[in-house]
């Protein structure tokens, strides 16, 4: 990355300067210069965008938060999800609609979510007012228009603690809350050691949400297998989505990815309409295209058809059937114990 740093005025004025990373311990923020073509080409706006060595610079975090008040206030629409449920494909489809620029998994949102989860602890780096100011600044920076393109943010699956403040910040913000049924979700995660490890790592935060939402802290992680911890996390996120949708006055739309695939363009058109994105039959057909649907969403250079996905799930069910069955039993037991978890 280049060593010549622009001033803060330039960082705020030009949306090509993308807020890539927050370093709360050092009280600084990293911007990298990415034009909209580079943003569209990046599978995810996380550490991987640095591989191309874009120009970048650090700036003071406190000054950035104070100065971000000059930015326009609209909150970008966003996709929140349970993970490994087709959210990247949905973002890629929406990115093909006129006037839309999908920002896939900005790294800064993960830091915001981690800081929010720390708030009740004595060791938290931020109190609630300072965290809200930081959140407001980050969302304002992510929402900057790129000429005729309006950003739509897809968060990472461990950022669902941001759903409530996202809706609170701007009454015009719309969310898509994406999920899949438990059994195929388990089969998807258990076939991938990395996905399994991520979901287990997120389990404590998801359990903390369940404790707060249920008003009961007797559920415990210790003694649970990996698959049972995954089932607990799925229950937590489904309850979070249900609560958010109920409180959103229609601004949060819940969607099962399997329903989207089964219904096809009409369901996708409803998602576009929910976000208020410009679309007609022709633009929906251009977006809902084999070039997108037949590729692996996280690495678009690889072909990956629905038949490939079905074959992968069938193999996972064969190899991990015992774990899946145990996790489903655990979920059923939890639902009986806590009716608020639903059916």
Foldseek 3Di string as FASTA:
>chain_A
DDDDDDDPVVCLPDLQFAFFDDDLVVQKTKTFGHALVLQLVALASHPVSCVVPTDMDMDGNVVLLVPLVVFDQDFAAEEEEQPPQCLLLLLQLVCLFPQEREHEARVHLVVLQVLVLCQVPPPRPDHDVVSLSSVRSNRRSQQDGNVSHGYYYYHHHLNLVCLVVSCVRDLLHAYEYEYADLLLVLLSQVLDPVSLVVLLVSLVSLLVQVCVVQVHNPDDDPPDDSLQSNLSSVLSSVLSLVVSCVPSVLRYHYDRSVVCVVVDLVVSVVVCVSSPGDDDPVSSDVSSDCLSQQADSSDSVHGAHPVNSVVSSVVSCVVCVVSSVVNVVSNVVVCVVRVSSDD
